[in-house]
C-alpha atoms as a PDB file:
ATOM      1  CA  MET A   1      13.335 -16.649  32.353  1.00  0.00           C
ATOM      2  CA  ILE A   2      13.112 -13.124  30.955  1.00  0.00           C
ATOM      3  CA  ASN A   3      14.506 -12.684  27.454  1.00  0.00           C
ATOM      4  CA  GLN A   4      14.903  -9.218  26.016  1.00  0.00           C
ATOM      5  CA  THR A   5      13.793  -8.814  22.423  1.00  0.00           C
ATOM      6  CA  PRO A   6      15.283  -6.267  19.990  1.00  0.00           C
ATOM      7  CA  PHE A   7      12.090  -4.224  20.469  1.00  0.00           C
ATOM      8  CA  SER A   8      12.018  -4.303  24.274  1.00  0.00           C
ATOM      9  CA  GLN A   9      15.750  -3.698  24.518  1.00  0.00           C
ATOM     10  CA  ALA A  10      15.426  -0.592  22.339  1.00  0.00           C
ATOM     11  CA  ILE A  11      12.613   0.677  24.601  1.00  0.00           C
ATOM     12  CA  ARG A  12      14.748   0.152  27.722  1.00  0.00           C
ATOM     13  CA  GLN A  13      17.615   2.099  26.147  1.00  0.00           C
ATOM     14  CA  ARG A  14      15.432   5.121  25.303  1.00  0.00           C
ATOM     15  CA  PHE A  15      12.869   5.059  28.101  1.00  0.00           C
ATOM     16  CA  SER A  16      14.625   7.456  30.504  1.00  0.00           C
ATOM     17  CA  HIS A  17      14.995  10.003  27.709  1.00  0.00           C
ATOM     18  CA  TRP A  18      11.272   9.797  26.861  1.00  0.00           C
ATOM     19  CA  SER A  19      10.117   9.890  30.501  1.00  0.00           C
ATOM     20  CA  GLN A  20      12.655  12.506  31.626  1.00  0.00           C
ATOM     21  CA  GLY A  21      13.508  10.414  34.672  1.00  0.00           C
ATOM     22  CA  ARG A  22      10.001   9.251  35.582  1.00  0.00           C
ATOM     23  CA  SER A  23       9.347   5.557  36.131  1.00  0.00           C
ATOM     24  CA  SER A  24       6.189   5.329  34.043  1.00  0.00           C
ATOM     25  CA  LEU A  25       4.507   6.787  30.948  1.00  0.00           C
ATOM     26  CA  SER A  26       0.712   6.803  30.607  1.00  0.00           C
ATOM     27  CA  ALA A  27      -1.160   6.071  27.406  1.00  0.00           C
ATOM     28  CA  SER A  28      -1.942   9.771  26.915  1.00  0.00           C
ATOM     29  CA  GLU A  29       1.704  10.703  27.457  1.00  0.00           C
ATOM     30  CA  LEU A  30       2.797   8.129  24.880  1.00  0.00           C
ATOM     31  CA  GLU A  31       0.294   9.483  22.350  1.00  0.00           C
ATOM     32  CA  LYS A  32       1.548  13.009  23.002  1.00  0.00           C
ATOM     33  CA  LEU A  33       5.137  11.903  22.450  1.00  0.00           C
ATOM     34  CA  CYS A  34       4.181  10.199  19.171  1.00  0.00           C
ATOM     35  CA  SER A  35       2.500  13.422  17.991  1.00  0.00           C
ATOM     36  CA  ASP A  36       5.552  15.559  18.710  1.00  0.00           C
ATOM     37  CA  PRO A  37       6.573  17.011  15.284  1.00  0.00           C
ATOM     38  CA  SER A  38      10.214  17.189  16.369  1.00  0.00           C
ATOM     39  CA  LEU A  39      10.367  13.430  16.884  1.00  0.00           C
ATOM     40  CA  LYS A  40      11.884  11.504  13.968  1.00  0.00           C
ATOM     41  CA  GLY A  41      14.136   8.624  13.044  1.00  0.00           C
ATOM     42  CA  GLU A  42      14.437   5.542  15.238  1.00  0.00           C
ATOM     43  CA  ASP A  43      12.767   7.256  18.207  1.00  0.00           C
ATOM     44  CA  LEU A  44       9.622   7.823  16.144  1.00  0.00           C
ATOM     45  CA  ALA A  45       9.751   4.331  14.622  1.00  0.00           C
ATOM     46  CA  LEU A  46      10.026   2.792  18.089  1.00  0.00           C
ATOM     47  CA  LEU A  47       7.476   4.966  19.902  1.00  0.00           C
ATOM     48  CA  MET A  48       4.752   4.417  17.286  1.00  0.00           C
ATOM     49  CA  VAL A  49       4.849   0.731  18.240  1.00  0.00           C
ATOM     50  CA  ALA A  50       5.857   1.059  21.908  1.00  0.00           C
ATOM     51  CA  LYS A  51       2.617   2.889  22.727  1.00  0.00           C
ATOM     52  CA  ASP A  52       0.756  -0.375  22.026  1.00  0.00           C
ATOM     53  CA  LEU A  53       2.933  -2.578  24.258  1.00  0.00           C
ATOM     54  CA  PRO A  54       0.982  -2.000  27.517  1.00  0.00           C
ATOM     55  CA  GLN A  55      -2.170  -3.412  25.889  1.00  0.00           C
ATOM     56  CA  GLN A  56      -0.283  -6.622  25.122  1.00  0.00           C
ATOM     57  CA  VAL A  57       0.254  -7.233  28.838  1.00  0.00           C
ATOM     58  CA  GLY A  58      -3.139  -6.009  30.046  1.00  0.00           C
ATOM     59  CA  GLY A  59      -2.047  -2.608  31.276  1.00  0.00           C
ATOM     60  CA  HIS A  60      -2.275   1.080  30.422  1.00  0.00           C
ATOM     61  CA  ASP A  61       1.161   2.413  31.343  1.00  0.00           C
ATOM     62  CA  LEU A  62       4.597   1.755  29.909  1.00  0.00           C
ATOM     63  CA  ASN A  63       6.974   0.982  32.764  1.00  0.00           C
ATOM     64  CA  ALA A  64       9.528  -1.593  33.919  1.00  0.00           C
ATOM     65  CA  ALA A  65       6.819  -4.008  35.118  1.00  0.00           C
ATOM     66  CA  ALA A  66       5.092  -3.929  31.721  1.00  0.00           C
ATOM     67  CA  LEU A  67       8.414  -4.604  29.956  1.00  0.00           C
ATOM     68  CA  ASP A  68       9.223  -7.465  32.347  1.00  0.00           C
ATOM     69  CA  LYS A  69       5.839  -9.064  31.678  1.00  0.00           C
ATOM     70  CA  TYR A  70       6.184  -8.599  27.920  1.00  0.00           C
ATOM     71  CA  GLU A  71       9.594 -10.270  27.910  1.00  0.00           C
ATOM     72  CA  ALA A  72       8.412 -13.083  30.190  1.00  0.00           C
ATOM     73  CA  GLN A  73       5.750 -13.822  27.555  1.00  0.00           C
ATOM     74  CA  ASN A  74       8.493 -13.951  24.893  1.00  0.00           C
ATOM     75  CA  GLY A  75       7.324 -10.735  23.327  1.00  0.00           C
ATOM     76  CA  SER A  76       4.767 -10.319  20.564  1.00  0.00           C
ATOM     77  CA  ARG A  77       5.318 -11.419  16.984  1.00  0.00           C
ATOM     78  CA  GLN A  78       3.085  -8.623  15.739  1.00  0.00           C
ATOM     79  CA  LEU A  79       4.786  -5.797  17.640  1.00  0.00           C
ATOM     80  CA  GLU A  80       8.267  -7.082  16.830  1.00  0.00           C
ATOM     81  CA  ALA A  81       7.351  -7.243  13.131  1.00  0.00           C
ATOM     82  CA  ARG A  82       5.924  -3.725  13.152  1.00  0.00           C
ATOM     83  CA  TYR A  83       9.053  -2.371  14.817  1.00  0.00           C
ATOM     84  CA  HIS A  84      11.374  -3.978  12.275  1.00  0.00           C
ATOM     85  CA  ASP A  85       9.079  -2.850   9.439  1.00  0.00           C
ATOM     86  CA  ASN A  86       9.290   0.738  10.676  1.00  0.00           C
ATOM     87  CA  LEU A  87      13.086   0.571  10.695  1.00  0.00           C
ATOM     88  CA  GLU A  88      13.058  -0.712   7.106  1.00  0.00           C
ATOM     89  CA  ARG A  89      10.683   2.077   6.056  1.00  0.00           C
ATOM     90  CA  LEU A  90      13.107   4.684   7.396  1.00  0.00           C
ATOM     91  CA  LYS A  91      15.781   3.327   5.052  1.00  0.00           C
ATOM     92  CA  THR A  92      13.706   4.326   2.010  1.00  0.00           C
ATOM     93  CA  PRO A  93      15.932   6.422  -0.309  1.00  0.00           C
ATOM     94  CA  ARG A  94      14.756   9.991  -0.803  1.00  0.00           C
ATOM     95  CA  GLU A  95      14.688   9.341  -4.540  1.00  0.00           C
ATOM     96  CA  LEU A  96      11.733   8.400  -6.733  1.00  0.00           C
ATOM     97  CA  PHE A  97      13.114   5.375  -8.552  1.00  0.00           C
ATOM     98  CA  PRO A  98      16.668   4.592  -7.359  1.00  0.00           C
ATOM     99  CA  GLN A  99      16.435   1.109  -8.900  1.00  0.00           C
ATOM    100  CA  GLY A 100      15.433   2.463 -12.303  1.00  0.00           C
ATOM    101  CA  GLY A 101      11.672   2.035 -12.019  1.00  0.00           C
ATOM    102  CA  PRO A 102       8.801   0.938  -9.783  1.00  0.00           C
ATOM    103  CA  ASP A 103       8.763  -2.615  -8.400  1.00  0.00           C
ATOM    104  CA  PHE A 104       5.235  -3.775  -7.553  1.00  0.00           C
ATOM    105  CA  GLU A 105       6.558  -6.501  -5.237  1.00  0.00           C
ATOM    106  CA  ALA A 106       8.207  -3.908  -2.970  1.00  0.00           C
ATOM    107  CA  VAL A 107       4.971  -2.111  -2.048  1.00  0.00           C
ATOM    108  CA  ARG A 108       3.160  -2.494   1.274  1.00  0.00           C
ATOM    109  CA  GLN A 109       0.187  -0.597   2.636  1.00  0.00           C
ATOM    110  CA  GLY A 110       0.690   1.852   5.501  1.00  0.00           C
ATOM    111  CA  GLN A 111      -1.374   2.606   8.587  1.00  0.00           C
ATOM    112  CA  GLU A 112      -4.040   4.431   6.608  1.00  0.00           C
ATOM    113  CA  PRO A 113      -6.926   2.366   5.157  1.00  0.00           C
ATOM    114  CA  ASN A 114      -6.074   3.121   1.527  1.00  0.00           C
ATOM    115  CA  CYS A 115      -5.953  -0.377   0.055  1.00  0.00           C
ATOM    116  CA  VAL A 116      -7.831   0.800  -3.055  1.00  0.00           C
ATOM    117  CA  LEU A 117      -5.137   3.339  -3.951  1.00  0.00           C
ATOM    118  CA  THR A 118      -2.289   1.004  -3.011  1.00  0.00           C
ATOM    119  CA  THR A 119      -3.617  -1.891  -5.107  1.00  0.00           C
ATOM    120  CA  THR A 120      -4.152   0.491  -8.023  1.00  0.00           C
ATOM    121  CA  CYS A 121      -0.491   1.516  -7.846  1.00  0.00           C
ATOM    122  CA  ILE A 122       0.693  -2.081  -7.394  1.00  0.00           C
ATOM    123  CA  SER A 123      -1.258  -3.234 -10.434  1.00  0.00           C
ATOM    124  CA  LEU A 124      -0.091  -0.291 -12.542  1.00  0.00           C
ATOM    125  CA  ALA A 125       3.542  -0.874 -11.506  1.00  0.00           C
ATOM    126  CA  GLN A 126       3.205  -4.505 -12.569  1.00  0.00           C
ATOM    127  CA  GLN A 127       1.328  -3.888 -15.827  1.00  0.00           C
ATOM    128  CA  ARG A 128       2.724  -0.578 -17.090  1.00  0.00           C
ATOM    129  CA  PRO A 129       5.623   0.635 -14.912  1.00  0.00           C
ATOM    130  CA  GLU A 130       6.458   3.353 -17.432  1.00  0.00           C
ATOM    131  CA  ALA A 131       3.115   5.018 -16.624  1.00  0.00           C
ATOM    132  CA  LEU A 132       4.284   5.646 -13.061  1.00  0.00           C
ATOM    133  CA  THR A 133       7.578   7.168 -14.188  1.00  0.00           C
ATOM    134  CA  GLN A 134       5.498   9.583 -16.269  1.00  0.00           C
ATOM    135  CA  LEU A 135       3.175  10.284 -13.358  1.00  0.00           C
ATOM    136  CA  LEU A 136       6.085  11.213 -11.079  1.00  0.00           C
ATOM    137  CA  CYS A 137       9.403  12.610 -12.240  1.00  0.00           C
ATOM    138  CA  GLU A 138      12.349  14.517 -10.820  1.00  0.00           C
ATOM    139  CA  THR A 139      13.176  17.853 -12.455  1.00  0.00           C
ATOM    140  CA  ASP A 140      15.394  20.843 -11.706  1.00  0.00           C
ATOM    141  CA  GLN A 141      12.456  22.272  -9.764  1.00  0.00           C
ATOM    142  CA  GLY A 142      12.055  19.100  -7.684  1.00  0.00           C
ATOM    143  CA  VAL A 143       9.589  16.209  -7.837  1.00  0.00           C
ATOM    144  CA  VAL A 144       6.686  16.850 -10.206  1.00  0.00           C
ATOM    145  CA  LEU A 145       3.329  15.065  -9.987  1.00  0.00           C
ATOM    146  CA  ARG A 146       1.382  14.877 -13.267  1.00  0.00           C
ATOM    147  CA  LEU A 147      -2.084  13.495 -12.693  1.00  0.00           C
ATOM    148  CA  PRO A 148      -4.341  12.961 -15.723  1.00  0.00           C
ATOM    149  CA  GLY A 149      -6.557  15.982 -16.289  1.00  0.00           C
ATOM    150  CA  GLU A 150      -4.803  18.116 -13.672  1.00  0.00           C
ATOM    151  CA  LYS A 151      -2.141  20.781 -13.783  1.00  0.00           C
ATOM    152  CA  GLU A 152       1.255  19.391 -12.837  1.00  0.00           C
ATOM    153  CA  ARG A 153       2.594  20.442  -9.447  1.00  0.00           C
ATOM    154  CA  CYS A 154       5.737  20.108  -7.381  1.00  0.00           C
ATOM    155  CA  VAL A 155       5.620  17.846  -4.321  1.00  0.00           C
ATOM    156  CA  ALA A 156       8.068  17.217  -1.505  1.00  0.00           C
ATOM    157  CA  MET A 157       9.983  14.080  -0.666  1.00  0.00           C
ATOM    158  CA  PRO A 158       8.428  12.184   2.290  1.00  0.00           C
ATOM    159  CA  THR A 159       9.374  12.841   5.892  1.00  0.00           C
ATOM    160  CA  ASP A 160      10.170  10.059   8.380  1.00  0.00           C
ATOM    161  CA  ARG A 161       6.642  10.304   9.783  1.00  0.00           C
ATOM    162  CA  GLU A 162       5.097  10.004   6.314  1.00  0.00           C
ATOM    163  CA  LEU A 163       7.194   6.924   5.523  1.00  0.00           C
ATOM    164  CA  LEU A 164       5.862   5.280   8.695  1.00  0.00           C
ATOM    165  CA  GLN A 165       2.272   6.346   8.093  1.00  0.00           C
ATOM    166  CA  HIS A 166       1.652   5.906   4.374  1.00  0.00           C
ATOM    167  CA  SER A 167       2.090   3.057   1.931  1.00  0.00           C
ATOM    168  CA  CYS A 168       5.738   2.448   1.128  1.00  0.00           C
ATOM    169  CA  ALA A 169       8.017   0.907  -1.510  1.00  0.00           C
ATOM    170  CA  TYR A 170      11.033   0.680   0.840  1.00  0.00           C
ATOM    171  CA  GLY A 171      14.340   0.374  -1.030  1.00  0.00           C
ATOM    172  CA  ASN A 172      12.513   0.772  -4.351  1.00  0.00           C
ATOM    173  CA  GLY A 173      12.125   4.485  -3.666  1.00  0.00           C
ATOM    174  CA  ALA A 174       9.857   7.238  -2.408  1.00  0.00           C
ATOM    175  CA  TRP A 175       7.308   7.089  -5.245  1.00  0.00           C
ATOM    176  CA  MET A 176       4.662   5.031  -3.437  1.00  0.00           C
ATOM    177  CA  THR A 177       4.765   7.091  -0.247  1.00  0.00           C
ATOM    178  CA  ILE A 178       4.435  10.322  -2.231  1.00  0.00           C
ATOM    179  CA  LEU A 179       1.393   9.011  -4.111  1.00  0.00           C
ATOM    180  CA  SER A 180      -0.118   7.702  -0.882  1.00  0.00           C
ATOM    181  CA  ARG A 181       0.369  11.072   0.803  1.00  0.00           C
ATOM    182  CA  GLU A 182      -0.834  13.179  -2.115  1.00  0.00           C
ATOM    183  CA  LEU A 183      -3.792  10.957  -3.075  1.00  0.00           C
ATOM    184  CA  GLY A 184      -4.634   9.441   0.286  1.00  0.00           C
ATOM    185  CA  SER A 185      -8.187  10.766   0.174  1.00  0.00           C
ATOM    186  CA  ILE A 186      -9.044   8.499  -2.758  1.00  0.00           C
ATOM    187  CA  GLY A 187      -7.808   5.402  -0.924  1.00  0.00           C
ATOM    188  CA  ALA A 188     -11.179   4.801   0.671  1.00  0.00           C
ATOM    189  CA  LEU A 189     -13.155   5.439  -2.498  1.00  0.00           C
ATOM    190  CA  LYS A 190     -14.467   2.910  -4.980  1.00  0.00           C
ATOM    191  CA  PRO A 191     -11.805   1.379  -7.249  1.00  0.00           C
ATOM    192  CA  ALA A 192     -13.379   3.060 -10.277  1.00  0.00           C
ATOM    193  CA  LYS A 193     -12.558   6.505  -8.878  1.00  0.00           C
ATOM    194  CA  ALA A 194      -9.072   5.544  -7.735  1.00  0.00           C
ATOM    195  CA  VAL A 195      -8.102   3.988 -11.078  1.00  0.00           C
ATOM    196  CA  ASN A 196      -9.542   6.960 -12.956  1.00  0.00           C
ATOM    197  CA  LYS A 197      -7.598   9.403 -10.756  1.00  0.00           C
ATOM    198  CA  VAL A 198      -4.281   7.656 -11.347  1.00  0.00           C
ATOM    199  CA  THR A 199      -4.644   6.557 -14.980  1.00  0.00           C
ATOM    200  CA  GLY A 200      -7.338   8.785 -16.463  1.00  0.00           C
ATOM    201  CA  HIS A 201      -9.238   5.706 -17.647  1.00  0.00           C
ATOM    202  CA  LYS A 202     -12.721   4.445 -16.892  1.00  0.00           C
ATOM    203  CA  VAL A 203     -13.387   1.144 -15.124  1.00  0.00           C
ATOM    204  CA  ASP A 204     -15.562  -1.843 -15.978  1.00  0.00           C
ATOM    205  CA  GLN A 205     -16.931  -3.436 -12.793  1.00  0.00           C
ATOM    206  CA  ASP A 206     -18.326  -6.959 -12.536  1.00  0.00           C
ATOM    207  CA  TRP A 207     -20.021  -8.683  -9.602  1.00  0.00           C
ATOM    208  CA  MET A 208     -18.839 -12.251  -9.123  1.00  0.00           C
ATOM    209  CA  MET A 209     -22.312 -13.583  -8.320  1.00  0.00           C
ATOM    210  CA  THR A 210     -23.632 -12.501 -11.722  1.00  0.00           C
ATOM    211  CA  THR A 211     -20.524 -13.423 -13.732  1.00  0.00           C
ATOM    212  CA  SER A 212     -19.958 -16.892 -15.175  1.00  0.00           C
ATOM    213  CA  GLU A 213     -16.574 -18.592 -14.869  1.00  0.00           C
ATOM    214  CA  HIS A 214     -16.284 -18.565 -18.653  1.00  0.00           C
ATOM    215  CA  ALA A 215     -16.824 -14.798 -18.817  1.00  0.00           C
ATOM    216  CA  LEU A 216     -14.430 -14.249 -15.910  1.00  0.00           C
ATOM    217  CA  ARG A 217     -11.671 -16.243 -17.599  1.00  0.00           C
ATOM    218  CA  LYS A 218     -12.137 -14.416 -20.885  1.00  0.00           C
ATOM    219  CA  LYS A 219     -12.026 -10.952 -19.325  1.00  0.00           C
ATOM    220  CA  LEU A 220      -9.034 -11.773 -17.136  1.00  0.00           C
ATOM    221  CA  GLU A 221      -7.087 -13.063 -20.101  1.00  0.00           C
ATOM    222  CA  GLY A 222      -7.962  -9.984 -22.151  1.00  0.00           C
ATOM    223  CA  ALA A 223      -7.035  -7.579 -19.353  1.00  0.00           C
ATOM    224  CA  MET A 224      -3.629  -9.185 -18.831  1.00  0.00           C
ATOM    225  CA  GLU A 225      -2.922  -9.103 -22.575  1.00  0.00           C
ATOM    226  CA  LYS A 226      -3.745  -5.379 -22.650  1.00  0.00           C
ATOM    227  CA  HIS A 227      -1.670  -4.675 -19.516  1.00  0.00           C
ATOM    228  CA  GLN A 228      -4.665  -3.212 -17.684  1.00  0.00           C
ATOM    229  CA  VAL A 229      -5.022  -2.467 -13.979  1.00  0.00           C
ATOM    230  CA  VAL A 230      -7.255  -5.103 -12.352  1.00  0.00           C
ATOM    231  CA  ILE A 231      -8.475  -4.953  -8.742  1.00  0.00           C
ATOM    232  CA  ALA A 232     -10.454  -7.595  -6.862  1.00  0.00           C
ATOM    233  CA  GLY A 233     -12.516  -6.755  -3.800  1.00  0.00           C
ATOM    234  CA  ARG A 234     -13.734  -8.688  -0.767  1.00  0.00           C
ATOM    235  CA  GLY A 235     -16.830  -7.318   0.935  1.00  0.00           C
ATOM    236  CA  GLY A 236     -17.955  -7.637   4.523  1.00  0.00           C
ATOM    237  CA  MET A 237     -20.241 -10.578   3.769  1.00  0.00           C
ATOM    238  CA  ASP A 238     -17.820 -12.575   1.604  1.00  0.00           C
ATOM    239  CA  ALA A 239     -16.738 -16.099   2.454  1.00  0.00           C
ATOM    240  CA  GLN A 240     -14.465 -16.402   5.467  1.00  0.00           C
ATOM    241  CA  VAL A 241     -11.002 -17.417   4.291  1.00  0.00           C
ATOM    242  CA  THR A 242      -8.235 -17.756   6.871  1.00  0.00           C
ATOM    243  CA  GLY A 243      -5.580 -15.202   6.021  1.00  0.00           C
ATOM    244  CA  LEU A 244      -7.726 -12.966   3.802  1.00  0.00           C
ATOM    245  CA  THR A 245      -9.225  -9.735   5.127  1.00  0.00           C
ATOM    246  CA  ARG A 246     -12.780  -8.684   4.358  1.00  0.00           C
ATOM    247  CA  ASN A 247     -13.649  -5.167   3.173  1.00  0.00           C
ATOM    248  CA  HIS A 248     -10.295  -5.078   1.423  1.00  0.00           C
ATOM    249  CA  SER A 249      -8.870  -4.722  -2.088  1.00  0.00           C
ATOM    250  CA  PHE A 250      -6.309  -6.975  -3.776  1.00  0.00           C
ATOM    251  CA  ALA A 251      -4.235  -6.414  -6.915  1.00  0.00           C
ATOM    252  CA  VAL A 252      -4.620  -8.995  -9.672  1.00  0.00           C
ATOM    253  CA  ILE A 253      -1.062  -9.422 -10.954  1.00  0.00           C
ATOM    254  CA  GLY A 254      -1.418 -12.398 -13.277  1.00  0.00           C
ATOM    255  CA  TYR A 255      -3.642 -14.983 -14.900  1.00  0.00           C
ATOM    256  CA  ASP A 256      -2.600 -18.418 -16.176  1.00  0.00           C
ATOM    257  CA  ALA A 257      -5.101 -19.329 -18.902  1.00  0.00           C
ATOM    258  CA  ASN A 258      -3.719 -22.866 -19.254  1.00  0.00           C
ATOM    259  CA  PHE A 259      -4.477 -23.779 -15.645  1.00  0.00           C
ATOM    260  CA  ALA A 260      -7.220 -21.178 -15.027  1.00  0.00           C
ATOM    261  CA  ARG A 261      -5.444 -19.719 -12.006  1.00  0.00           C
ATOM    262  CA  VAL A 262      -5.444 -16.110 -10.815  1.00  0.00           C
ATOM    263  CA  ARG A 263      -2.433 -14.562  -9.079  1.00  0.00           C
ATOM    264  CA  LEU A 264      -3.078 -11.833  -6.521  1.00  0.00           C
ATOM    265  CA  LEU A 265      -1.153  -9.587  -4.154  1.00  0.00           C
ATOM    266  CA  ASP A 266      -2.472  -8.347  -0.808  1.00  0.00           C
ATOM    267  CA  PRO A 267      -1.077  -4.834  -0.089  1.00  0.00           C
ATOM    268  CA  GLU A 268      -0.953  -5.734   3.608  1.00  0.00           C
ATOM    269  CA  GLY A 269       1.306  -8.709   2.840  1.00  0.00           C
ATOM    270  CA  ASN A 270      -1.155 -11.431   3.916  1.00  0.00           C
ATOM    271  CA  GLU A 271      -2.379 -14.517   2.062  1.00  0.00           C
ATOM    272  CA  PRO A 272      -4.443 -17.686   2.590  1.00  0.00           C
ATOM    273  CA  VAL A 273      -2.991 -20.056   5.189  1.00  0.00           C
ATOM    274  CA  ASP A 274      -3.579 -23.684   6.133  1.00  0.00           C
ATOM    275  CA  SER A 275      -4.750 -25.047   9.486  1.00  0.00           C
ATOM    276  CA  SER A 276      -1.232 -24.668  10.924  1.00  0.00           C
ATOM    277  CA  GLY A 277      -1.017 -21.015   9.908  1.00  0.00           C
ATOM    278  CA  LYS A 278       1.450 -21.583   7.057  1.00  0.00           C
ATOM    279  CA  ALA A 279       1.037 -20.051   3.603  1.00  0.00           C
ATOM    280  CA  ARG A 280      -0.678 -22.465   1.243  1.00  0.00           C
ATOM    281  CA  ASP A 281       2.010 -21.904  -1.393  1.00  0.00           C
ATOM    282  CA  GLY A 282       4.812 -22.265   1.160  1.00  0.00           C
ATOM    283  CA  ASP A 283       6.032 -18.667   0.790  1.00  0.00           C
ATOM    284  CA  TYR A 284       4.376 -16.040   2.995  1.00  0.00           C
ATOM    285  CA  ASP A 285       5.059 -12.975   0.857  1.00  0.00           C
ATOM    286  CA  GLY A 286       1.593 -11.561   0.193  1.00  0.00           C
ATOM    287  CA  GLN A 287       1.401 -13.136  -3.269  1.00  0.00           C
ATOM    288  CA  PHE A 288      -0.779 -16.176  -3.894  1.00  0.00           C
ATOM    289  CA  SER A 289      -2.579 -18.066  -6.643  1.00  0.00           C
ATOM    290  CA  VAL A 290      -6.146 -19.350  -6.591  1.00  0.00           C
ATOM    291  CA  SER A 291      -8.281 -21.247  -9.059  1.00  0.00           C
ATOM    292  CA  VAL A 292     -10.920 -19.291 -10.966  1.00  0.00           C
ATOM    293  CA  SER A 293     -13.553 -21.183  -8.978  1.00  0.00           C
ATOM    294  CA  GLU A 294     -11.978 -20.111  -5.651  1.00  0.00           C
ATOM    295  CA  PHE A 295     -11.512 -16.591  -6.953  1.00  0.00           C
ATOM    296  CA  LYS A 296     -15.170 -16.343  -7.867  1.00  0.00           C
ATOM    297  CA  SER A 297     -16.356 -17.683  -4.495  1.00  0.00           C
ATOM    298  CA  TRP A 298     -13.901 -15.769  -2.260  1.00  0.00           C
ATOM    299  CA  PHE A 299     -14.245 -12.332  -3.885  1.00  0.00           C
ATOM    300  CA  SER A 300     -17.380 -10.331  -4.568  1.00  0.00           C
ATOM    301  CA  SER A 301     -16.219  -7.811  -7.178  1.00  0.00           C
ATOM    302  CA  ILE A 302     -13.617  -7.228  -9.848  1.00  0.00           C
ATOM    303  CA  HIS A 303     -12.672  -4.001 -11.591  1.00  0.00           C
ATOM    304  CA  TYR A 304     -10.953  -3.760 -14.978  1.00  0.00           C
ATOM    305  CA  GLU A 305      -9.258  -0.613 -16.242  1.00  0.00           C
ATOM    306  CA  GLU A 306     -10.532   0.265 -19.715  1.00  0.00           C
ATOM    307  CA  THR A 307      -7.376   1.482 -21.445  1.00  0.00           C
ATOM    308  CA  ASP A 308      -9.253   1.974 -24.711  1.00  0.00           C
ATOM    309  CA  LYS A 309     -11.863   4.219 -23.045  1.00  0.00           C
ATOM    310  CA  PRO A 310     -10.214   7.314 -21.570  1.00  0.00           C
ATOM    311  CA  SER A 311     -12.063   9.628 -19.237  1.00  0.00           C
ATOM    312  CA  PHE A 312     -13.563  12.919 -20.391  1.00  0.00           C
ATOM    313  CA  TRP A 313     -10.339  14.763 -19.571  1.00  0.00           C
ATOM    314  CA  GLY A 314      -8.207  12.192 -21.334  1.00  0.00           C
ATOM    315  CA  SER A 315     -10.313  12.466 -24.485  1.00  0.00           C
ATOM    316  CA  LEU A 316     -10.264  16.261 -24.340  1.00  0.00           C
ATOM    317  CA  PHE A 317      -6.489  16.303 -23.969  1.00  0.00           C
ATOM    318  CA  ASP A 318      -6.037  14.002 -26.964  1.00  0.00           C
ATOM    319  CA  LYS A 319      -8.158  16.345 -29.086  1.00  0.00           C
ATOM    320  CA  LEU A 320      -6.220  19.384 -27.907  1.00  0.00           C
ATOM    321  CA  LYS A 321      -2.906  17.642 -28.546  1.00  0.00           C
ATOM    322  CA  ASP A 322      -3.919  16.697 -32.085  1.00  0.00           C
ATOM    323  CA  SER A 323      -4.887  20.305 -32.842  1.00  0.00           C
ATOM    324  CA  MET A 324      -1.657  21.823 -31.481  1.00  0.00           C
ATOM    325  CA  VAL A 325       1.162  21.268 -33.957  1.00  0.00           C
ATOM    326  CA  GLY A 326       4.562  21.784 -32.385  1.00  0.00           C
ATOM    327  CA  ALA A 327       3.150  22.722 -28.999  1.00  0.00           C
ATOM    328  CA  PRO A 328       5.332  21.876 -25.992  1.00  0.00           C
ATOM    329  CA  GLY A 329       4.072  18.977 -23.909  1.00  0.00           C
ATOM    330  CA  GLY A 330       3.650  18.187 -20.237  1.00  0.00           C
ATOM    331  CA  GLY A 331       2.985  21.507 -18.604  1.00  0.00           C
ATOM    332  CA  GLY A 332       1.005  24.648 -18.030  1.00  0.00           C
ATOM    333  CA  GLY A 333      -2.697  24.296 -17.508  1.00  0.00           C
ATOM    334  CA  VAL A 334      -3.180  21.660 -20.209  1.00  0.00           C
ATOM    335  CA  PRO A 335      -4.478  18.372 -18.757  1.00  0.00           C
ATOM    336  CA  VAL A 336      -1.762  15.735 -18.943  1.00  0.00           C
ATOM    337  CA  SER A 337      -2.667  12.235 -20.084  1.00  0.00           C
ATOM    338  CA  SER A 338      -1.255   9.156 -18.330  1.00  0.00           C
END
C-alpha cells in the first residue's frame, strides 16, 4: 500500500509548477532549480531536499514512478527530517535575539562543514552569552558586527537561502546564521583560529594521548569556573563510537567534578547510541555526558580558551583604551575587544 508522506505530498503538489507540465525532472534540472536566486520560501526548502529523493529509490530523475517507489518504501527518515528542519529554519525571526539573548541549545550546524565555528559559538553562548550580544547588536543603522581587533561593520539579516545553508538558531534568532555567513571561512580552520577570531583570546591545546586523567579533570574544572570556551575534537583515526562523527568538533558545555563526567553538545544534533540505535541517555537531543575515561579515549584533542591571555589586538586595544580618557567606545577604526 502506498502512503504519502508530508514530504512526498508537498512534492506532488508543486511538481507541475517546477516542471512546467513535463512528466520528469532530471538531476541537472533539479540542481538548476535549486540555484535559481528567485526561488525562496517553502519551494526552496522543499526542492533542496527533493533533489536527493531519486537517489533514495535508485534513480536519477524525479517523476511519478520515483515518488510511487519512495512512498511504497514508507519514505526516508533522513529526507523527511531534513524537510521538516528546513521548514523550521524558515521560521527564524529576522531579529538577532528575540528571546532576550543567545540560547546555546537552539543551535544546529548547517550544510557547510563549519563545525569548528558553530561549536565555538555554542560554547560561548553557554559560557558567556553577553559576549555574543556585544559581538552583534542592532542599531539605527542596522545590524552591526564587532569582531575583536576589526573595525565594526553593518551586516544584513539572513535570506531564506542563507537560513537553509548556514548554521541556525531557529526561534532563538538570526544571530547564529549571520555569524555563520560572515565567518564561514574560519569554520574549517583549527579551533585556535576560530576561537581567537570570535573572542580575541588565545587557545591552549592539549592532545588526549599525552594528557593524564588528573590533568584533564583539573583543566576542565578550571575552564568551567572561568566560563571559558572549550572545544573537543575527534580525528579521522579516533575510536569508532556509534553515533559520533569523526573529523568533527564538539562543544564542551559542562563538567561534573563530583562524578568526573563531561557534558558535550554535537552541533549536528547527534550523540552516542546503543545497539538498538537509541540515545544512551534516553533523550536524542545532541547533548550527552561521558566519563572522563571515555572522553579521553573517544576524543583526540581539546582546546581551552585562555580568557586571561588576550591576543595581540586585544592587548593593544586595552592599552589604547587606558590611555584615552573620555574617548567614545565601540567604533571607528579602533579594534574592539570582546
